[in-house]
PDB file of all heavy atoms in Angstrom:
ATOM      1  N   GLU A   1      77.504 116.454  85.177  1.00  0.00           N
ATOM      2  CA  GLU A   1      76.155 116.530  85.830  1.00  0.00           C
ATOM      3  C   GLU A   1      75.054 116.603  84.775  1.00  0.00           C
ATOM      4  O   GLU A   1      74.035 115.927  84.897  1.00  0.00           O
ATOM      5  CB  GLU A   1      76.137 117.757  86.739  1.00  0.00           C
ATOM      6  CG  GLU A   1      77.059 117.662  87.950  1.00  0.00           C
ATOM      7  CD  GLU A   1      77.188 118.973  88.684  1.00  0.00           C
ATOM      8  OE1 GLU A   1      76.655 120.008  88.166  1.00  0.00           O
ATOM      9  OE2 GLU A   1      77.840 119.004  89.745  1.00  0.00           O
ATOM     10  N   MET A   2      75.233 117.451  83.779  1.00  0.00           N
ATOM     11  CA  MET A   2      74.189 117.666  82.793  1.00  0.00           C
ATOM     12  C   MET A   2      73.872 116.429  81.958  1.00  0.00           C
ATOM     13  O   MET A   2      72.757 116.215  81.520  1.00  0.00           O
ATOM     14  CB  MET A   2      74.549 118.831  81.839  1.00  0.00           C
ATOM     15  CG  MET A   2      74.552 120.179  82.501  1.00  0.00           C
ATOM     16  SD  MET A   2      74.910 121.498  81.267  1.00  0.00           S
ATOM     17  CE  MET A   2      73.424 121.437  80.270  1.00  0.00           C
ATOM     18  N   LEU A   3      74.895 115.580  81.762  1.00  0.00           N
ATOM     19  CA  LEU A   3      74.762 114.424  80.914  1.00  0.00           C
ATOM     20  C   LEU A   3      74.547 113.137  81.744  1.00  0.00           C
ATOM     21  O   LEU A   3      74.718 112.032  81.228  1.00  0.00           O
ATOM     22  CB  LEU A   3      75.944 114.281  79.966  1.00  0.00           C
ATOM     23  CG  LEU A   3      76.026 115.425  78.940  1.00  0.00           C
ATOM     24  CD1 LEU A   3      77.366 115.371  78.197  1.00  0.00           C
ATOM     25  CD2 LEU A   3      74.881 115.328  77.982  1.00  0.00           C
ATOM     26  N   ALA A   4      74.156 113.290  82.980  1.00  0.00           N
ATOM     27  CA  ALA A   4      73.914 112.125  83.827  1.00  0.00           C
ATOM     28  C   ALA A   4      72.833 111.251  83.201  1.00  0.00           C
ATOM     29  O   ALA A   4      72.869 110.010  83.285  1.00  0.00           O
ATOM     30  CB  ALA A   4      73.526 112.551  85.215  1.00  0.00           C
ATOM     31  N   VAL A   5      71.827 111.859  82.586  1.00  0.00           N
ATOM     32  CA  VAL A   5      70.723 111.134  81.951  1.00  0.00           C
ATOM     33  C   VAL A   5      70.880 111.094  80.459  1.00  0.00           C
ATOM     34  O   VAL A   5      70.619 110.094  79.807  1.00  0.00           O
ATOM     35  CB  VAL A   5      69.390 111.778  82.340  1.00  0.00           C
ATOM     36  CG1 VAL A   5      68.229 111.106  81.565  1.00  0.00           C
ATOM     37  CG2 VAL A   5      69.149 111.675  83.834  1.00  0.00           C
ATOM     38  N   HIS A   6      71.402 112.178  79.880  1.00  0.00           N
ATOM     39  CA  HIS A   6      71.418 112.296  78.398  1.00  0.00           C
ATOM     40  C   HIS A   6      72.760 111.825  77.781  1.00  0.00           C
ATOM     41  O   HIS A   6      73.015 112.099  76.619  1.00  0.00           O
ATOM     42  CB  HIS A   6      71.204 113.772  78.008  1.00  0.00           C
ATOM     43  CG  HIS A   6      69.858 114.280  78.407  1.00  0.00           C
ATOM     44  ND1 HIS A   6      68.705 113.869  77.780  1.00  0.00           N
ATOM     45  CD2 HIS A   6      69.456 115.190  79.361  1.00  0.00           C
ATOM     46  CE1 HIS A   6      67.650 114.496  78.290  1.00  0.00           C
ATOM     47  NE2 HIS A   6      68.082 115.267  79.260  1.00  0.00           N
ATOM     48  N   TRP A   7      73.573 111.095  78.574  1.00  0.00           N
ATOM     49  CA  TRP A   7      74.836 110.675  77.992  1.00  0.00           C
ATOM     50  C   TRP A   7      74.723 109.748  76.781  1.00  0.00           C
ATOM     51  O   TRP A   7      75.600 109.833  75.901  1.00  0.00           O
ATOM     52  CB  TRP A   7      75.703 109.999  79.103  1.00  0.00           C
ATOM     53  CG  TRP A   7      75.152 108.687  79.621  1.00  0.00           C
ATOM     54  CD1 TRP A   7      74.387 108.536  80.703  1.00  0.00           C
ATOM     55  CD2 TRP A   7      75.412 107.392  79.095  1.00  0.00           C
ATOM     56  NE1 TRP A   7      74.088 107.204  80.905  1.00  0.00           N
ATOM     57  CE2 TRP A   7      74.682 106.491  79.897  1.00  0.00           C
ATOM     58  CE3 TRP A   7      76.076 106.927  77.999  1.00  0.00           C
ATOM     59  CZ2 TRP A   7      74.666 105.108  79.635  1.00  0.00           C
ATOM     60  CZ3 TRP A   7      76.096 105.548  77.732  1.00  0.00           C
ATOM     61  CH2 TRP A   7      75.401 104.678  78.559  1.00  0.00           C
ATOM     62  N   PRO A   8      73.662 108.940  76.634  1.00  0.00           N
ATOM     63  CA  PRO A   8      73.570 108.125  75.408  1.00  0.00           C
ATOM     64  C   PRO A   8      73.424 108.992  74.132  1.00  0.00           C
ATOM     65  O   PRO A   8      73.970 108.649  73.086  1.00  0.00           O
ATOM     66  CB  PRO A   8      72.315 107.290  75.610  1.00  0.00           C
ATOM     67  CG  PRO A   8      72.161 107.168  77.097  1.00  0.00           C
ATOM     68  CD  PRO A   8      72.573 108.529  77.588  1.00  0.00           C
ATOM     69  N   ALA A   9      72.720 110.136  74.257  1.00  0.00           N
ATOM     70  CA  ALA A   9      72.594 111.019  73.141  1.00  0.00           C
ATOM     71  C   ALA A   9      73.963 111.622  72.783  1.00  0.00           C
ATOM     72  O   ALA A   9      74.353 111.712  71.627  1.00  0.00           O
ATOM     73  CB  ALA A   9      71.579 112.156  73.437  1.00  0.00           C
ATOM     74  N   ALA A  10      74.701 112.065  73.835  1.00  0.00           N
ATOM     75  CA  ALA A  10      76.030 112.589  73.609  1.00  0.00           C
ATOM     76  C   ALA A  10      76.952 111.591  72.967  1.00  0.00           C
ATOM     77  O   ALA A  10      77.733 111.900  72.085  1.00  0.00           O
ATOM     78  CB  ALA A  10      76.615 113.094  74.932  1.00  0.00           C
ATOM     79  N   LEU A  11      76.843 110.319  73.455  1.00  0.00           N
ATOM     80  CA  LEU A  11      77.692 109.267  72.920  1.00  0.00           C
ATOM     81  C   LEU A  11      77.390 109.016  71.456  1.00  0.00           C
ATOM     82  O   LEU A  11      78.307 108.909  70.604  1.00  0.00           O
ATOM     83  CB  LEU A  11      77.511 107.975  73.741  1.00  0.00           C
ATOM     84  CG  LEU A  11      78.316 106.767  73.267  1.00  0.00           C
ATOM     85  CD1 LEU A  11      79.813 107.072  73.335  1.00  0.00           C
ATOM     86  CD2 LEU A  11      77.996 105.546  74.131  1.00  0.00           C
ATOM     87  N   GLY A  12      76.083 108.972  71.133  1.00  0.00           N
ATOM     88  CA  GLY A  12      75.686 108.684  69.747  1.00  0.00           C
ATOM     89  C   GLY A  12      76.147 109.830  68.821  1.00  0.00           C
ATOM     90  O   GLY A  12      76.707 109.585  67.723  1.00  0.00           O
ATOM     91  N   ILE A  13      75.941 111.069  69.231  1.00  0.00           N
ATOM     92  CA  ILE A  13      76.340 112.228  68.454  1.00  0.00           C
ATOM     93  C   ILE A  13      77.849 112.215  68.240  1.00  0.00           C
ATOM     94  O   ILE A  13      78.370 112.386  67.155  1.00  0.00           O
ATOM     95  CB  ILE A  13      75.891 113.528  69.139  1.00  0.00           C
ATOM     96  CG1 ILE A  13      74.379 113.618  69.141  1.00  0.00           C
ATOM     97  CG2 ILE A  13      76.512 114.720  68.430  1.00  0.00           C
ATOM     98  CD1 ILE A  13      73.819 114.590  70.142  1.00  0.00           C
ATOM     99  N   GLY A  14      78.562 112.043  69.358  1.00  0.00           N
ATOM    100  CA  GLY A  14      80.024 112.075  69.297  1.00  0.00           C
ATOM    101  C   GLY A  14      80.614 110.997  68.439  1.00  0.00           C
ATOM    102  O   GLY A  14      81.522 111.254  67.634  1.00  0.00           O
ATOM    103  N   LEU A  15      80.084 109.800  68.565  1.00  0.00           N
ATOM    104  CA  LEU A  15      80.628 108.679  67.777  1.00  0.00           C
ATOM    105  C   LEU A  15      80.348 108.847  66.298  1.00  0.00           C
ATOM    106  O   LEU A  15      81.190 108.578  65.434  1.00  0.00           O
ATOM    107  CB  LEU A  15      80.058 107.363  68.297  1.00  0.00           C
ATOM    108  CG  LEU A  15      80.634 106.840  69.617  1.00  0.00           C
ATOM    109  CD1 LEU A  15      79.993 105.487  69.982  1.00  0.00           C
ATOM    110  CD2 LEU A  15      82.145 106.698  69.548  1.00  0.00           C
ATOM    111  N   ILE A  16      79.104 109.277  65.930  1.00  0.00           N
ATOM    112  CA  ILE A  16      78.749 109.427  64.537  1.00  0.00           C
ATOM    113  C   ILE A  16      79.666 110.460  63.877  1.00  0.00           C
ATOM    114  O   ILE A  16      80.238 110.260  62.802  1.00  0.00           O
ATOM    115  CB  ILE A  16      77.280 109.817  64.386  1.00  0.00           C
ATOM    116  CG1 ILE A  16      76.389 108.665  64.756  1.00  0.00           C
ATOM    117  CG2 ILE A  16      76.991 110.329  62.986  1.00  0.00           C
ATOM    118  CD1 ILE A  16      74.919 109.025  64.886  1.00  0.00           C
ATOM    119  N   LEU A  17      79.869 111.599  64.558  1.00  0.00           N
ATOM    120  CA  LEU A  17      80.684 112.648  63.980  1.00  0.00           C
ATOM    121  C   LEU A  17      82.172 112.311  63.999  1.00  0.00           C
ATOM    122  O   LEU A  17      82.930 112.679  63.113  1.00  0.00           O
ATOM    123  CB  LEU A  17      80.444 113.984  64.686  1.00  0.00           C
ATOM    124  CG  LEU A  17      79.001 114.501  64.440  1.00  0.00           C
ATOM    125  CD1 LEU A  17      78.708 115.662  65.383  1.00  0.00           C
ATOM    126  CD2 LEU A  17      78.821 114.895  63.011  1.00  0.00           C
ATOM    127  N   PHE A  18      82.587 111.563  65.026  1.00  0.00           N
ATOM    128  CA  PHE A  18      83.969 111.135  65.069  1.00  0.00           C
ATOM    129  C   PHE A  18      84.257 110.155  63.955  1.00  0.00           C
ATOM    130  O   PHE A  18      85.332 110.250  63.283  1.00  0.00           O
ATOM    131  CB  PHE A  18      84.261 110.443  66.432  1.00  0.00           C
ATOM    132  CG  PHE A  18      85.633 109.779  66.487  1.00  0.00           C
ATOM    133  CD1 PHE A  18      86.769 110.549  66.626  1.00  0.00           C
ATOM    134  CD2 PHE A  18      85.761 108.402  66.379  1.00  0.00           C
ATOM    135  CE1 PHE A  18      88.012 109.946  66.656  1.00  0.00           C
ATOM    136  CE2 PHE A  18      87.013 107.816  66.437  1.00  0.00           C
ATOM    137  CZ  PHE A  18      88.126 108.595  66.591  1.00  0.00           C
ATOM    138  N   LEU A  19      83.362 109.185  63.690  1.00  0.00           N
ATOM    139  CA  LEU A  19      83.556 108.259  62.620  1.00  0.00           C
ATOM    140  C   LEU A  19      83.591 108.972  61.244  1.00  0.00           C
ATOM    141  O   LEU A  19      84.352 108.580  60.383  1.00  0.00           O
ATOM    142  CB  LEU A  19      82.452 107.192  62.660  1.00  0.00           C
ATOM    143  CG  LEU A  19      82.507 106.221  63.812  1.00  0.00           C
ATOM    144  CD1 LEU A  19      81.277 105.298  63.834  1.00  0.00           C
ATOM    145  CD2 LEU A  19      83.804 105.377  63.796  1.00  0.00           C
ATOM    146  N   LEU A  20      82.750 110.003  61.134  1.00  0.00           N
ATOM    147  CA  LEU A  20      82.802 110.797  59.903  1.00  0.00           C
ATOM    148  C   LEU A  20      84.155 111.487  59.730  1.00  0.00           C
ATOM    149  O   LEU A  20      84.716 111.500  58.605  1.00  0.00           O
ATOM    150  CB  LEU A  20      81.679 111.851  59.920  1.00  0.00           C
ATOM    151  CG  LEU A  20      81.603 112.772  58.680  1.00  0.00           C
ATOM    152  CD1 LEU A  20      81.348 111.958  57.428  1.00  0.00           C
ATOM    153  CD2 LEU A  20      80.460 113.798  58.876  1.00  0.00           C
ATOM    154  N   SER A  21      84.694 111.992  60.835  1.00  0.00           N
ATOM    155  CA  SER A  21      85.984 112.730  60.709  1.00  0.00           C
ATOM    156  C   SER A  21      87.159 111.796  60.456  1.00  0.00           C
ATOM    157  O   SER A  21      88.152 112.238  59.880  1.00  0.00           O
ATOM    158  CB  SER A  21      86.205 113.509  62.004  1.00  0.00           C
ATOM    159  OG  SER A  21      86.429 112.638  63.127  1.00  0.00           O
ATOM    160  N   VAL A  22      87.056 110.522  60.867  1.00  0.00           N
ATOM    161  CA  VAL A  22      88.180 109.600  60.615  1.00  0.00           C
ATOM    162  C   VAL A  22      87.929 108.673  59.420  1.00  0.00           C
ATOM    163  O   VAL A  22      88.832 107.875  59.085  1.00  0.00           O
ATOM    164  CB  VAL A  22      88.497 108.744  61.893  1.00  0.00           C
ATOM    165  CG1 VAL A  22      88.885 109.645  63.047  1.00  0.00           C
ATOM    166  CG2 VAL A  22      87.350 107.831  62.233  1.00  0.00           C
ATOM    167  N   ALA A  23      86.748 108.760  58.825  1.00  0.00           N
ATOM    168  CA  ALA A  23      86.465 107.881  57.681  1.00  0.00           C
ATOM    169  C   ALA A  23      87.489 107.974  56.566  1.00  0.00           C
ATOM    170  O   ALA A  23      87.887 106.941  55.990  1.00  0.00           O
ATOM    171  CB  ALA A  23      85.040 108.170  57.136  1.00  0.00           C
ATOM    172  N   PRO A  24      87.930 109.189  56.194  1.00  0.00           N
ATOM    173  CA  PRO A  24      88.961 109.268  55.146  1.00  0.00           C
ATOM    174  C   PRO A  24      90.246 108.538  55.485  1.00  0.00           C
ATOM    175  O   PRO A  24      90.865 107.902  54.601  1.00  0.00           O
ATOM    176  CB  PRO A  24      89.204 110.767  54.993  1.00  0.00           C
ATOM    177  CG  PRO A  24      87.953 111.417  55.503  1.00  0.00           C
ATOM    178  CD  PRO A  24      87.487 110.521  56.631  1.00  0.00           C
ATOM    179  N   LEU A  25      90.656 108.547  56.760  1.00  0.00           N
ATOM    180  CA  LEU A  25      91.838 107.793  57.153  1.00  0.00           C
ATOM    181  C   LEU A  25      91.644 106.302  56.973  1.00  0.00           C
ATOM    182  O   LEU A  25      92.559 105.577  56.528  1.00  0.00           O
ATOM    183  CB  LEU A  25      92.163 108.130  58.618  1.00  0.00           C
ATOM    184  CG  LEU A  25      92.609 109.585  58.937  1.00  0.00           C
ATOM    185  CD1 LEU A  25      92.809 109.739  60.419  1.00  0.00           C
ATOM    186  CD2 LEU A  25      93.852 109.935  58.180  1.00  0.00           C
ATOM    187  N   ALA A  26      90.438 105.864  57.337  1.00  0.00           N
ATOM    188  CA  ALA A  26      90.153 104.407  57.204  1.00  0.00           C
ATOM    189  C   ALA A  26      90.131 104.043  55.716  1.00  0.00           C
ATOM    190  O   ALA A  26      90.676 102.954  55.341  1.00  0.00           O
ATOM    191  CB  ALA A  26      88.780 104.108  57.816  1.00  0.00           C
ATOM    192  N   LEU A  27      89.598 104.902  54.891  1.00  0.00           N
ATOM    193  CA  LEU A  27      89.552 104.601  53.435  1.00  0.00           C
ATOM    194  C   LEU A  27      90.969 104.593  52.878  1.00  0.00           C
ATOM    195  O   LEU A  27      91.306 103.727  52.037  1.00  0.00           O
ATOM    196  CB  LEU A  27      88.712 105.649  52.729  1.00  0.00           C
ATOM    197  CG  LEU A  27      88.536 105.455  51.203  1.00  0.00           C
ATOM    198  CD1 LEU A  27      87.891 104.126  50.900  1.00  0.00           C
ATOM    199  CD2 LEU A  27      87.679 106.601  50.628  1.00  0.00           C
ATOM    200  N   GLU A  28      91.808 105.498  53.330  1.00  0.00           N
ATOM    201  CA  GLU A  28      93.175 105.548  52.832  1.00  0.00           C
ATOM    202  C   GLU A  28      93.959 104.307  53.275  1.00  0.00           C
ATOM    203  O   GLU A  28      94.815 103.794  52.576  1.00  0.00           O
ATOM    204  CB  GLU A  28      93.884 106.806  53.325  1.00  0.00           C
ATOM    205  CG  GLU A  28      95.259 107.007  52.714  1.00  0.00           C
ATOM    206  CD  GLU A  28      95.805 108.400  52.986  1.00  0.00           C
ATOM    207  OE1 GLU A  28      95.049 109.237  53.508  1.00  0.00           O
ATOM    208  OE2 GLU A  28      97.009 108.591  52.762  1.00  0.00           O
ATOM    209  N   PHE A  29      93.647 103.798  54.473  1.00  0.00           N
ATOM    210  CA  PHE A  29      94.293 102.616  54.996  1.00  0.00           C
ATOM    211  C   PHE A  29      93.868 101.386  54.164  1.00  0.00           C
ATOM    212  O   PHE A  29      94.699 100.505  53.868  1.00  0.00           O
ATOM    213  CB  PHE A  29      93.947 102.382  56.439  1.00  0.00           C
ATOM    214  CG  PHE A  29      94.537 101.143  57.059  1.00  0.00           C
ATOM    215  CD1 PHE A  29      95.886 101.152  57.454  1.00  0.00           C
ATOM    216  CD2 PHE A  29      93.789 100.000  57.215  1.00  0.00           C
ATOM    217  CE1 PHE A  29      96.439 100.011  57.998  1.00  0.00           C
ATOM    218  CE2 PHE A  29      94.342  98.868  57.769  1.00  0.00           C
ATOM    219  CZ  PHE A  29      95.683  98.854  58.169  1.00  0.00           C
ATOM    220  N   ILE A  30      92.586 101.385  53.767  1.00  0.00           N
ATOM    221  CA  ILE A  30      92.063 100.237  53.003  1.00  0.00           C
ATOM    222  C   ILE A  30      92.550 100.304  51.572  1.00  0.00           C
ATOM    223  O   ILE A  30      92.897  99.274  50.972  1.00  0.00           O
ATOM    224  CB  ILE A  30      90.508 100.243  53.024  1.00  0.00           C
ATOM    225  CG1 ILE A  30      90.028 100.001  54.473  1.00  0.00           C
ATOM    226  CG2 ILE A  30      89.929  99.165  52.124  1.00  0.00           C
ATOM    227  CD1 ILE A  30      88.553 100.223  54.675  1.00  0.00           C
ATOM    228  N   ALA A  31      92.560 101.490  51.022  1.00  0.00           N
ATOM    229  CA  ALA A  31      92.979 101.678  49.614  1.00  0.00           C
ATOM    230  C   ALA A  31      94.038 102.729  49.497  1.00  0.00           C
ATOM    231  O   ALA A  31      93.787 103.848  49.036  1.00  0.00           O
ATOM    232  CB  ALA A  31      91.750 102.030  48.745  1.00  0.00           C
ATOM    233  N   PRO A  32      95.281 102.410  49.854  1.00  0.00           N
ATOM    234  CA  PRO A  32      96.369 103.438  49.825  1.00  0.00           C
ATOM    235  C   PRO A  32      96.736 103.928  48.452  1.00  0.00           C
ATOM    236  O   PRO A  32      97.305 104.993  48.273  1.00  0.00           O
ATOM    237  CB  PRO A  32      97.557 102.679  50.470  1.00  0.00           C
ATOM    238  CG  PRO A  32      97.250 101.204  50.285  1.00  0.00           C
ATOM    239  CD  PRO A  32      95.737 101.121  50.357  1.00  0.00           C
ATOM    240  N   SER A  33      96.326 103.177  47.431  1.00  0.00           N
ATOM    241  CA  SER A  33      96.635 103.598  46.043  1.00  0.00           C
ATOM    242  C   SER A  33      95.898 104.881  45.655  1.00  0.00           C
ATOM    243  O   SER A  33      96.344 105.593  44.767  1.00  0.00           O
ATOM    244  CB  SER A  33      96.279 102.488  45.079  1.00  0.00           C
ATOM    245  OG  SER A  33      94.891 102.187  45.131  1.00  0.00           O
ATOM    246  N   LEU A  34      94.765 105.160  46.336  1.00  0.00           N
ATOM    247  CA  LEU A  34      93.991 106.357  46.003  1.00  0.00           C
ATOM    248  C   LEU A  34      94.836 107.622  46.247  1.00  0.00           C
ATOM    249  O   LEU A  34      94.760 108.570  45.449  1.00  0.00           O
ATOM    250  CB  LEU A  34      92.710 106.407  46.838  1.00  0.00           C
ATOM    251  CG  LEU A  34      91.673 105.327  46.484  1.00  0.00           C
ATOM    252  CD1 LEU A  34      90.487 105.411  47.484  1.00  0.00           C
ATOM    253  CD2 LEU A  34      91.138 105.602  45.061  1.00  0.00           C
ATOM    254  N   SER A  35      95.598 107.615  47.325  1.00  0.00           N
ATOM    255  CA  SER A  35      96.415 108.805  47.644  1.00  0.00           C
ATOM    256  C   SER A  35      97.465 109.013  46.571  1.00  0.00           C
ATOM    257  O   SER A  35      97.710 110.163  46.149  1.00  0.00           O
ATOM    258  CB  SER A  35      97.047 108.606  49.005  1.00  0.00           C
ATOM    259  OG  SER A  35      97.907 109.692  49.314  1.00  0.00           O
ATOM    260  N   ALA A  36      98.102 107.929  46.179  1.00  0.00           N
ATOM    261  CA  ALA A  36      99.134 108.043  45.137  1.00  0.00           C
ATOM    262  C   ALA A  36      98.544 108.432  43.773  1.00  0.00           C
ATOM    263  O   ALA A  36      99.162 109.213  43.018  1.00  0.00           O
ATOM    264  CB  ALA A  36      99.869 106.708  45.012  1.00  0.00           C
TER     265      ALA A  36
END
């Protein structure tokens, strides 16, 4: 109910922080040698 109007803000916030949290995984997938 609360995000009936403000859902775009929630989506933007959630996606930005989610991408930040998974960015290291993406980098490791792209450059697996870094881990080794």
